[in-house]
C-alpha atoms as a PDB file:
ATOM      1  CA  MET A   1     -25.599  12.987 -10.841  1.00  0.00           C
ATOM      2  CA  ALA A   2     -28.681  15.136 -10.968  1.00  0.00           C
ATOM      3  CA  SER A   3     -32.052  13.453 -11.274  1.00  0.00           C
ATOM      4  CA  LYS A   4     -34.283  14.066 -14.259  1.00  0.00           C
ATOM      5  CA  GLY A   5     -37.410  12.239 -13.137  1.00  0.00           C
ATOM      6  CA  PRO A   6     -38.649   8.729 -13.930  1.00  0.00           C
ATOM      7  CA  ALA A   7     -39.832   9.741 -17.372  1.00  0.00           C
ATOM      8  CA  ALA A   8     -36.247  10.416 -18.334  1.00  0.00           C
ATOM      9  CA  GLY A   9     -35.078   7.187 -16.742  1.00  0.00           C
ATOM     10  CA  GLU A  10     -32.704   8.965 -14.393  1.00  0.00           C
ATOM     11  CA  GLY A  11     -34.300   9.138 -10.953  1.00  0.00           C
ATOM     12  CA  THR A  12     -36.830  10.922  -8.769  1.00  0.00           C
ATOM     13  CA  GLY A  13     -37.082  14.538  -7.730  1.00  0.00           C
ATOM     14  CA  LYS A  14     -34.049  14.250  -5.428  1.00  0.00           C
ATOM     15  CA  ASP A  15     -30.591  13.313  -6.567  1.00  0.00           C
ATOM     16  CA  SER A  16     -27.323  11.947  -5.217  1.00  0.00           C
ATOM     17  CA  GLY A  17     -25.482  15.143  -6.073  1.00  0.00           C
ATOM     18  CA  SER A  18     -26.250  18.832  -6.289  1.00  0.00           C
ATOM     19  CA  GLY A  19     -26.450  19.109 -10.064  1.00  0.00           C
ATOM     20  CA  ASP A  20     -23.775  21.819  -9.926  1.00  0.00           C
ATOM     21  CA  GLY A  21     -20.707  19.646 -10.369  1.00  0.00           C
ATOM     22  CA  SER A  22     -20.198  18.996  -6.649  1.00  0.00           C
ATOM     23  CA  ALA A  23     -19.623  15.530  -5.239  1.00  0.00           C
ATOM     24  CA  PRO A  24     -22.533  13.091  -4.954  1.00  0.00           C
ATOM     25  CA  ARG A  25     -23.936  13.067  -1.432  1.00  0.00           C
ATOM     26  CA  SER A  26     -25.231  10.375   0.837  1.00  0.00           C
ATOM     27  CA  GLY A  27     -28.563  11.019   2.532  1.00  0.00           C
ATOM     28  CA  SER A  28     -29.844  13.254  -0.265  1.00  0.00           C
ATOM     29  CA  GLY A  29     -32.902  11.190  -1.147  1.00  0.00           C
ATOM     30  CA  ASP A  30     -36.095  10.262   0.701  1.00  0.00           C
ATOM     31  CA  ILE A  31     -34.574   9.376   4.076  1.00  0.00           C
ATOM     32  CA  GLN A  32     -37.550   7.432   5.419  1.00  0.00           C
ATOM     33  CA  ARG A  33     -37.844   5.374   2.260  1.00  0.00           C
ATOM     34  CA  THR A  34     -34.091   4.752   2.284  1.00  0.00           C
ATOM     35  CA  ILE A  35     -34.305   3.529   5.884  1.00  0.00           C
ATOM     36  CA  GLU A  36     -37.126   1.148   4.942  1.00  0.00           C
ATOM     37  CA  LEU A  37     -35.053  -0.250   2.083  1.00  0.00           C
ATOM     38  CA  LEU A  38     -31.873  -0.568   4.146  1.00  0.00           C
ATOM     39  CA  TRP A  39     -33.549  -2.303   7.062  1.00  0.00           C
ATOM     40  CA  ASP A  40     -36.164  -4.174   5.013  1.00  0.00           C
ATOM     41  CA  THR A  41     -39.082  -2.727   6.957  1.00  0.00           C
ATOM     42  CA  GLY A  42     -41.277  -1.751   4.013  1.00  0.00           C
ATOM     43  CA  ARG A  43     -44.555  -3.460   3.190  1.00  0.00           C
ATOM     44  CA  ARG A  44     -44.342  -6.524   0.971  1.00  0.00           C
ATOM     45  CA  PRO A  45     -47.016  -7.992  -1.283  1.00  0.00           C
ATOM     46  CA  SER A  46     -48.548 -11.048   0.358  1.00  0.00           C
ATOM     47  CA  ARG A  47     -49.720 -12.661  -2.872  1.00  0.00           C
ATOM     48  CA  GLY A  48     -48.691 -13.040  -6.452  1.00  0.00           C
ATOM     49  CA  PRO A  49     -45.762 -14.641  -8.257  1.00  0.00           C
ATOM     50  CA  ARG A  50     -42.232 -14.149  -6.971  1.00  0.00           C
ATOM     51  CA  PRO A  51     -40.697 -11.210  -8.876  1.00  0.00           C
ATOM     52  CA  ALA A  52     -37.780 -11.974 -11.177  1.00  0.00           C
ATOM     53  CA  LEU A  53     -36.063  -8.751 -10.126  1.00  0.00           C
ATOM     54  CA  THR A  54     -35.005  -8.030  -6.536  1.00  0.00           C
ATOM     55  CA  LEU A  55     -33.583  -5.025  -4.719  1.00  0.00           C
ATOM     56  CA  ASP A  56     -30.428  -7.031  -3.984  1.00  0.00           C
ATOM     57  CA  ARG A  57     -29.872  -7.655  -7.684  1.00  0.00           C
ATOM     58  CA  ILE A  58     -30.327  -3.961  -8.455  1.00  0.00           C
ATOM     59  CA  VAL A  59     -27.850  -2.841  -5.791  1.00  0.00           C
ATOM     60  CA  GLU A  60     -25.308  -5.504  -6.756  1.00  0.00           C
ATOM     61  CA  ALA A  61     -25.523  -4.471 -10.413  1.00  0.00           C
ATOM     62  CA  ALA A  62     -25.092  -0.791  -9.507  1.00  0.00           C
ATOM     63  CA  VAL A  63     -21.980  -1.568  -7.439  1.00  0.00           C
ATOM     64  CA  ARG A  64     -20.610  -3.701 -10.275  1.00  0.00           C
ATOM     65  CA  ILE A  65     -21.022  -0.855 -12.781  1.00  0.00           C
ATOM     66  CA  ALA A  66     -19.501   1.727 -10.416  1.00  0.00           C
ATOM     67  CA  ASP A  67     -16.512  -0.508  -9.726  1.00  0.00           C
ATOM     68  CA  ALA A  68     -15.840  -1.056 -13.408  1.00  0.00           C
ATOM     69  CA  GLU A  69     -16.698   2.338 -14.906  1.00  0.00           C
ATOM     70  CA  GLY A  70     -17.111   4.846 -12.101  1.00  0.00           C
ATOM     71  CA  LEU A  71     -20.103   6.274 -10.274  1.00  0.00           C
ATOM     72  CA  ASP A  72     -21.114   8.523 -13.170  1.00  0.00           C
ATOM     73  CA  ALA A  73     -21.867   5.424 -15.242  1.00  0.00           C
ATOM     74  CA  VAL A  74     -24.610   4.338 -12.829  1.00  0.00           C
ATOM     75  CA  SER A  75     -28.021   5.412 -14.077  1.00  0.00           C
ATOM     76  CA  MET A  76     -31.459   3.883 -13.955  1.00  0.00           C
ATOM     77  CA  ARG A  77     -31.374   3.446 -17.723  1.00  0.00           C
ATOM     78  CA  ARG A  78     -27.990   1.716 -17.597  1.00  0.00           C
ATOM     79  CA  LEU A  79     -29.193  -0.544 -14.780  1.00  0.00           C
ATOM     80  CA  SER A  80     -32.248  -1.552 -16.772  1.00  0.00           C
ATOM     81  CA  THR A  81     -29.990  -2.596 -19.641  1.00  0.00           C
ATOM     82  CA  GLU A  82     -27.662  -4.476 -17.299  1.00  0.00           C
ATOM     83  CA  LEU A  83     -30.558  -6.328 -15.686  1.00  0.00           C
ATOM     84  CA  GLY A  84     -32.539  -6.897 -18.857  1.00  0.00           C
ATOM     85  CA  THR A  85     -35.652  -5.083 -17.700  1.00  0.00           C
ATOM     86  CA  GLY A  86     -37.563  -1.903 -18.452  1.00  0.00           C
ATOM     87  CA  THR A  87     -36.389   1.296 -16.785  1.00  0.00           C
ATOM     88  CA  MET A  88     -39.769   1.926 -15.209  1.00  0.00           C
ATOM     89  CA  SER A  89     -39.681  -1.514 -13.590  1.00  0.00           C
ATOM     90  CA  LEU A  90     -36.814  -0.368 -11.387  1.00  0.00           C
ATOM     91  CA  TYR A  91     -39.008   2.257  -9.739  1.00  0.00           C
ATOM     92  CA  ARG A  92     -41.146  -0.486  -8.238  1.00  0.00           C
ATOM     93  CA  TYR A  93     -38.137  -1.318  -6.057  1.00  0.00           C
ATOM     94  CA  ILE A  94     -36.320   1.957  -5.471  1.00  0.00           C
ATOM     95  CA  PRO A  95     -37.331   5.625  -5.828  1.00  0.00           C
ATOM     96  CA  GLY A  96     -34.227   6.792  -7.657  1.00  0.00           C
ATOM     97  CA  LYS A  97     -30.474   7.239  -7.788  1.00  0.00           C
ATOM     98  CA  ALA A  98     -30.142   9.095  -4.485  1.00  0.00           C
ATOM     99  CA  GLU A  99     -31.643   6.243  -2.514  1.00  0.00           C
ATOM    100  CA  LEU A 100     -29.728   3.729  -4.620  1.00  0.00           C
ATOM    101  CA  LEU A 101     -26.446   5.421  -3.690  1.00  0.00           C
ATOM    102  CA  ASP A 102     -27.196   5.004   0.019  1.00  0.00           C
ATOM    103  CA  LEU A 103     -27.885   1.308  -0.512  1.00  0.00           C
ATOM    104  CA  MET A 104     -24.659   0.932  -2.492  1.00  0.00           C
ATOM    105  CA  LEU A 105     -22.666   2.596   0.281  1.00  0.00           C
ATOM    106  CA  ASP A 106     -24.118   0.322   2.916  1.00  0.00           C
ATOM    107  CA  ARG A 107     -23.665  -2.786   0.778  1.00  0.00           C
ATOM    108  CA  VAL A 108     -19.944  -2.315   0.155  1.00  0.00           C
ATOM    109  CA  GLN A 109     -19.261  -1.450   3.803  1.00  0.00           C
ATOM    110  CA  THR A 110     -20.845  -4.642   5.112  1.00  0.00           C
ATOM    111  CA  PRO A 111     -18.060  -6.473   6.986  1.00  0.00           C
ATOM    112  CA  ALA A 112     -17.047  -9.968   5.997  1.00  0.00           C
ATOM    113  CA  ASP A 113     -17.859 -12.717   8.447  1.00  0.00           C
ATOM    114  CA  GLU A 114     -15.450 -12.969  11.359  1.00  0.00           C
ATOM    115  CA  PRO A 115     -15.665 -16.617  12.460  1.00  0.00           C
ATOM    116  CA  GLU A 116     -14.206 -16.124  15.931  1.00  0.00           C
ATOM    117  CA  ALA A 117     -13.552 -13.319  18.398  1.00  0.00           C
ATOM    118  CA  PHE A 118     -10.630 -11.078  17.515  1.00  0.00           C
ATOM    119  CA  ASP A 119      -7.849 -11.398  20.117  1.00  0.00           C
ATOM    120  CA  GLY A 120      -4.888  -9.714  18.461  1.00  0.00           C
ATOM    121  CA  GLY A 121      -4.783  -6.725  20.804  1.00  0.00           C
ATOM    122  CA  TRP A 122      -5.983  -3.172  20.167  1.00  0.00           C
ATOM    123  CA  ARG A 123      -2.886  -2.106  18.200  1.00  0.00           C
ATOM    124  CA  GLU A 124      -3.234  -4.973  15.749  1.00  0.00           C
ATOM    125  CA  ALA A 125      -6.982  -4.258  15.597  1.00  0.00           C
ATOM    126  CA  VAL A 126      -6.406  -0.659  14.479  1.00  0.00           C
ATOM    127  CA  ARG A 127      -3.727  -1.783  12.031  1.00  0.00           C
ATOM    128  CA  LEU A 128      -6.012  -4.459  10.588  1.00  0.00           C
ATOM    129  CA  GLY A 129      -8.922  -2.028  10.318  1.00  0.00           C
ATOM    130  CA  ALA A 130      -6.763   0.465   8.435  1.00  0.00           C
ATOM    131  CA  HIS A 131      -5.611  -2.145   5.924  1.00  0.00           C
ATOM    132  CA  GLU A 132      -9.178  -3.417   5.509  1.00  0.00           C
ATOM    133  CA  GLN A 133     -10.353   0.102   4.747  1.00  0.00           C
ATOM    134  CA  LEU A 134      -7.527   0.698   2.282  1.00  0.00           C
ATOM    135  CA  ALA A 135      -8.471  -2.541   0.519  1.00  0.00           C
ATOM    136  CA  LEU A 136     -12.124  -1.413   0.474  1.00  0.00           C
ATOM    137  CA  TYR A 137     -11.157   1.754  -1.394  1.00  0.00           C
ATOM    138  CA  GLY A 138      -9.075  -0.333  -3.775  1.00  0.00           C
ATOM    139  CA  ARG A 139     -12.114  -2.453  -4.641  1.00  0.00           C
ATOM    140  CA  HIS A 140     -14.529   0.495  -4.769  1.00  0.00           C
ATOM    141  CA  PRO A 141     -12.586   3.695  -5.586  1.00  0.00           C
ATOM    142  CA  TRP A 142     -15.837   5.559  -6.283  1.00  0.00           C
ATOM    143  CA  LEU A 143     -16.394   5.663  -2.500  1.00  0.00           C
ATOM    144  CA  LEU A 144     -13.820   8.431  -2.327  1.00  0.00           C
ATOM    145  CA  LEU A 145     -15.995  10.657  -4.518  1.00  0.00           C
ATOM    146  CA  VAL A 146     -19.030  10.571  -2.230  1.00  0.00           C
ATOM    147  CA  ASN A 147     -19.677  13.249   0.380  1.00  0.00           C
ATOM    148  CA  GLN A 148     -20.755  11.192   3.399  1.00  0.00           C
ATOM    149  CA  ALA A 149     -21.179  14.044   5.867  1.00  0.00           C
ATOM    150  CA  ARG A 150     -24.743  12.756   6.428  1.00  0.00           C
ATOM    151  CA  PRO A 151     -24.686   8.971   6.072  1.00  0.00           C
ATOM    152  CA  VAL A 152     -27.908   6.997   6.314  1.00  0.00           C
ATOM    153  CA  LEU A 153     -26.839   4.191   8.620  1.00  0.00           C
ATOM    154  CA  GLY A 154     -27.889   0.722   7.551  1.00  0.00           C
ATOM    155  CA  PRO A 155     -26.980  -2.754   8.781  1.00  0.00           C
ATOM    156  CA  GLY A 156     -23.752  -2.837   6.783  1.00  0.00           C
ATOM    157  CA  THR A 157     -22.350   0.417   8.155  1.00  0.00           C
ATOM    158  CA  ILE A 158     -23.592  -0.288  11.677  1.00  0.00           C
ATOM    159  CA  GLY A 159     -22.085  -3.781  11.471  1.00  0.00           C
ATOM    160  CA  SER A 160     -18.730  -2.336  10.449  1.00  0.00           C
ATOM    161  CA  LEU A 161     -18.756   0.109  13.360  1.00  0.00           C
ATOM    162  CA  GLU A 162     -19.906  -2.638  15.736  1.00  0.00           C
ATOM    163  CA  ARG A 163     -16.932  -4.769  14.773  1.00  0.00           C
ATOM    164  CA  MET A 164     -14.418  -1.943  15.100  1.00  0.00           C
ATOM    165  CA  PHE A 165     -15.707  -0.799  18.494  1.00  0.00           C
ATOM    166  CA  GLY A 166     -15.495  -4.392  19.693  1.00  0.00           C
ATOM    167  CA  ARG A 167     -11.931  -4.752  18.481  1.00  0.00           C
ATOM    168  CA  ILE A 168     -10.624  -1.555  20.087  1.00  0.00           C
ATOM    169  CA  ARG A 169     -12.622  -1.683  23.341  1.00  0.00           C
ATOM    170  CA  PRO A 170      -9.518  -3.048  25.175  1.00  0.00           C
ATOM    171  CA  MET A 171      -7.855   0.371  24.707  1.00  0.00           C
ATOM    172  CA  GLY A 172      -9.753   1.400  27.829  1.00  0.00           C
ATOM    173  CA  LEU A 173     -10.755   4.797  26.429  1.00  0.00           C
ATOM    174  CA  ARG A 174     -14.087   6.561  26.791  1.00  0.00           C
ATOM    175  CA  ASP A 175     -16.640   5.877  24.074  1.00  0.00           C
ATOM    176  CA  PRO A 176     -16.290   9.330  22.413  1.00  0.00           C
ATOM    177  CA  GLU A 177     -12.527   8.779  22.358  1.00  0.00           C
ATOM    178  CA  LEU A 178     -12.916   5.364  20.744  1.00  0.00           C
ATOM    179  CA  LEU A 179     -15.056   7.013  18.068  1.00  0.00           C
ATOM    180  CA  SER A 180     -12.327   9.622  17.629  1.00  0.00           C
ATOM    181  CA  VAL A 181      -9.772   6.836  17.120  1.00  0.00           C
ATOM    182  CA  ILE A 182     -11.944   5.393  14.349  1.00  0.00           C
ATOM    183  CA  MET A 183     -12.315   8.828  12.749  1.00  0.00           C
ATOM    184  CA  LEU A 184      -8.568   9.516  13.024  1.00  0.00           C
ATOM    185  CA  VAL A 185      -7.641   6.322  11.209  1.00  0.00           C
ATOM    186  CA  ASP A 186     -10.467   6.798   8.693  1.00  0.00           C
ATOM    187  CA  GLY A 187      -9.158  10.252   7.794  1.00  0.00           C
ATOM    188  CA  TYR A 188      -5.606   8.996   7.384  1.00  0.00           C
ATOM    189  CA  VAL A 189      -6.529   6.023   5.203  1.00  0.00           C
ATOM    190  CA  THR A 190      -8.921   8.099   3.101  1.00  0.00           C
ATOM    191  CA  GLY A 191      -6.197  10.660   2.370  1.00  0.00           C
ATOM    192  CA  VAL A 192      -3.725   8.004   1.266  1.00  0.00           C
ATOM    193  CA  ALA A 193      -6.305   6.192  -0.847  1.00  0.00           C
ATOM    194  CA  ARG A 194      -7.485   9.397  -2.500  1.00  0.00           C
ATOM    195  CA  SER A 195      -3.930  10.317  -3.511  1.00  0.00           C
ATOM    196  CA  HIS A 196      -3.477   6.897  -5.096  1.00  0.00           C
ATOM    197  CA  VAL A 197      -6.781   7.094  -6.965  1.00  0.00           C
ATOM    198  CA  HIS A 198      -5.940  10.574  -8.245  1.00  0.00           C
ATOM    199  CA  ALA A 199      -2.578   9.310  -9.539  1.00  0.00           C
ATOM    200  CA  VAL A 200      -4.261   6.439 -11.388  1.00  0.00           C
ATOM    201  CA  GLU A 201      -6.882   8.768 -12.869  1.00  0.00           C
ATOM    202  CA  ALA A 202      -4.192  11.230 -14.019  1.00  0.00           C
ATOM    203  CA  GLU A 203      -2.358   8.484 -15.897  1.00  0.00           C
ATOM    204  CA  GLN A 204      -5.574   7.256 -17.504  1.00  0.00           C
ATOM    205  CA  ARG A 205      -6.623  10.780 -18.474  1.00  0.00           C
ATOM    206  CA  THR A 206      -3.305  11.966 -19.907  1.00  0.00           C
ATOM    207  CA  GLY A 207      -1.702   8.748 -21.078  1.00  0.00           C
ATOM    208  CA  LEU A 208       1.483   9.764 -19.241  1.00  0.00           C
ATOM    209  CA  THR A 209       2.957   7.398 -16.669  1.00  0.00           C
ATOM    210  CA  ASP A 210       4.332   8.829 -13.427  1.00  0.00           C
ATOM    211  CA  ALA A 211       7.836   8.236 -14.740  1.00  0.00           C
ATOM    212  CA  ASP A 212       7.093  10.132 -17.975  1.00  0.00           C
ATOM    213  CA  PHE A 213       5.475  12.996 -16.063  1.00  0.00           C
ATOM    214  CA  TRP A 214       8.451  13.564 -13.771  1.00  0.00           C
ATOM    215  CA  GLN A 215      10.987  13.006 -16.532  1.00  0.00           C
ATOM    216  CA  ALA A 216       9.426  15.888 -18.455  1.00  0.00           C
ATOM    217  CA  GLN A 217      10.191  18.170 -15.488  1.00  0.00           C
ATOM    218  CA  GLU A 218      13.682  16.841 -14.807  1.00  0.00           C
ATOM    219  CA  PRO A 219      15.747  19.380 -16.866  1.00  0.00           C
ATOM    220  CA  GLN A 220      14.180  22.391 -15.141  1.00  0.00           C
ATOM    221  CA  LEU A 221      14.248  20.802 -11.702  1.00  0.00           C
ATOM    222  CA  THR A 222      17.926  19.921 -12.111  1.00  0.00           C
ATOM    223  CA  LYS A 223      18.735  23.551 -12.925  1.00  0.00           C
ATOM    224  CA  ALA A 224      16.715  24.693  -9.902  1.00  0.00           C
ATOM    225  CA  MET A 225      18.573  22.337  -7.570  1.00  0.00           C
ATOM    226  CA  MET A 226      21.935  23.536  -8.895  1.00  0.00           C
ATOM    227  CA  SER A 227      21.042  27.204  -8.473  1.00  0.00           C
ATOM    228  CA  GLY A 228      21.750  27.253  -4.742  1.00  0.00           C
ATOM    229  CA  ARG A 229      18.314  28.691  -3.958  1.00  0.00           C
ATOM    230  CA  TYR A 230      16.975  25.422  -2.512  1.00  0.00           C
ATOM    231  CA  PRO A 231      19.734  23.908  -0.340  1.00  0.00           C
ATOM    232  CA  GLN A 232      17.423  21.675   1.693  1.00  0.00           C
ATOM    233  CA  MET A 233      15.794  20.176  -1.378  1.00  0.00           C
ATOM    234  CA  ALA A 234      19.124  19.799  -3.178  1.00  0.00           C
ATOM    235  CA  SER A 235      20.625  17.885  -0.250  1.00  0.00           C
ATOM    236  CA  LEU A 236      17.903  15.232  -0.092  1.00  0.00           C
ATOM    237  CA  SER A 237      19.014  11.647  -0.670  1.00  0.00           C
ATOM    238  CA  GLU A 238      18.285  10.076  -4.040  1.00  0.00           C
ATOM    239  CA  ASP A 239      15.738   7.681  -2.554  1.00  0.00           C
ATOM    240  CA  THR A 240      13.661  10.413  -0.874  1.00  0.00           C
ATOM    241  CA  PHE A 241      10.936  10.355  -3.519  1.00  0.00           C
ATOM    242  CA  GLY A 242      11.521   6.755  -4.569  1.00  0.00           C
ATOM    243  CA  PRO A 243       8.785   4.124  -4.693  1.00  0.00           C
ATOM    244  CA  ASP A 244      10.379   1.731  -2.207  1.00  0.00           C
ATOM    245  CA  PHE A 245       9.537   3.567   1.014  1.00  0.00           C
ATOM    246  CA  ASP A 246       6.190   2.465   2.510  1.00  0.00           C
ATOM    247  CA  HIS A 247       4.674   5.815   3.473  1.00  0.00           C
ATOM    248  CA  PHE A 248       1.325   4.266   4.410  1.00  0.00           C
ATOM    249  CA  THR A 249       2.811   1.882   6.966  1.00  0.00           C
ATOM    250  CA  PHE A 250       5.189   4.533   8.328  1.00  0.00           C
ATOM    251  CA  GLY A 251       2.352   6.997   8.957  1.00  0.00           C
ATOM    252  CA  LEU A 252       0.034   4.353  10.383  1.00  0.00           C
ATOM    253  CA  GLU A 253       2.661   3.122  12.841  1.00  0.00           C
ATOM    254  CA  ARG A 254       3.269   6.680  14.056  1.00  0.00           C
ATOM    255  CA  ILE A 255      -0.467   7.065  14.691  1.00  0.00           C
ATOM    256  CA  LEU A 256      -0.375   3.819  16.656  1.00  0.00           C
ATOM    257  CA  ASP A 257       2.650   5.024  18.623  1.00  0.00           C
ATOM    258  CA  GLY A 258       0.761   8.167  19.615  1.00  0.00           C
ATOM    259  CA  LEU A 259      -2.315   6.202  20.632  1.00  0.00           C
ATOM    260  CA  GLU A 260      -0.150   3.851  22.675  1.00  0.00           C
ATOM    261  CA  LEU A 261       1.135   6.799  24.703  1.00  0.00           C
ATOM    262  CA  LEU A 262      -2.465   7.746  25.486  1.00  0.00           C
ATOM    263  CA  VAL A 263      -3.469   4.198  26.396  1.00  0.00           C
ATOM    264  CA  SER A 264      -0.414   3.820  28.632  1.00  0.00           C
ATOM    265  CA  ALA A 265      -1.146   7.131  30.345  1.00  0.00           C
ATOM    266  CA  ARG A 266      -4.715   6.071  31.053  1.00  0.00           C
ATOM    267  CA  SER A 267      -3.697   2.689  32.387  1.00  0.00           C
ATOM    268  CA  SER A 268      -1.215   4.365  34.758  1.00  0.00           C
ATOM    269  CA  GLY A 269      -3.847   6.742  36.051  1.00  0.00           C
ATOM    270  CA  THR A 270      -2.757   9.957  34.335  1.00  0.00           C
ATOM    271  CA  THR A 271      -5.082  11.924  32.074  1.00  0.00           C
ATOM    272  CA  GLY A 272      -3.192  11.816  28.793  1.00  0.00           C
ATOM    273  CA  ALA A 273      -5.728  13.826  26.781  1.00  0.00           C
ATOM    274  CA  GLY A 274      -7.488  17.160  26.679  1.00  0.00           C
ATOM    275  CA  PRO A 275     -11.227  17.768  26.333  1.00  0.00           C
ATOM    276  CA  ALA A 276     -12.870  16.325  23.269  1.00  0.00           C
ATOM    277  CA  GLY A 277     -14.000  18.620  20.463  1.00  0.00           C
ATOM    278  CA  PRO A 278     -17.048  18.317  18.192  1.00  0.00           C
ATOM    279  CA  VAL A 279     -17.655  14.872  16.739  1.00  0.00           C
ATOM    280  CA  GLY A 280     -17.916  14.608  12.946  1.00  0.00           C
ATOM    281  CA  SER A 281     -19.421  12.032  10.615  1.00  0.00           C
ATOM    282  CA  VAL A 282     -19.113   8.320  11.356  1.00  0.00           C
ATOM    283  CA  GLY A 283     -19.486   7.335   7.699  1.00  0.00           C
ATOM    284  CA  SER A 284     -16.649   6.424   5.351  1.00  0.00           C
ATOM    285  CA  ALA A 285     -14.824   8.782   3.553  1.00  0.00           C
ATOM    286  CA  GLY A 286     -15.296  11.404   1.377  1.00  0.00           C
END
């Protein structure tokens, strides 16, 4: 998603990717301007008619396009068509695609209203957070394509972290450990979601369903299993690779079981953990 400059209708001098085929990146635009836009701290005109176009409308339209057609479909020119305005008009509100991406990321990660305090216990809190994140990737699969090693934190992302820290505070762990819990679950959910998205994309790209794909390999795989060279694989039950087993829930519950051992050890006065290592990104996935 390299920028080509306003004259080309594609962005400013900085882009949301590297221009070399690598993943689009958060935090790759004008950071100070992005912060102003995220937190609404920029200067506003005090006079004149109310503009027909707003930053909210631009961001909402960009998210809508990305959800329907993928992140590559989002361009300043496409947005101008979607919003019924001139391309150059967009630059009165946002410098370019890099800053727009950061606003999109923060918008989709804004948590829904929680009318009352969560009291389901820390284990249910982690479970709920994992399912909420999986649903987020289902609604916005393009999130998985963004390198968020350097997220620009806005009210949406901060609000999401605020909620999660509040929900898991009863674990009784140190703050860096609570952050590590969030990162652990984030990494697990992201991996599962990415595998699902890749499977969907493969079917769309090739026209082959999963069933067709594996059926094409069945004759050779049957011969391999009968050769005696792979006794462990040949002895697996017929339902091993079937669709009925819930791998996501199984893995998540094992993570929760491990965390429960730690929480129990802490509550009983034993250490239950080694020294913490370096802390990575607190943004969503990528």
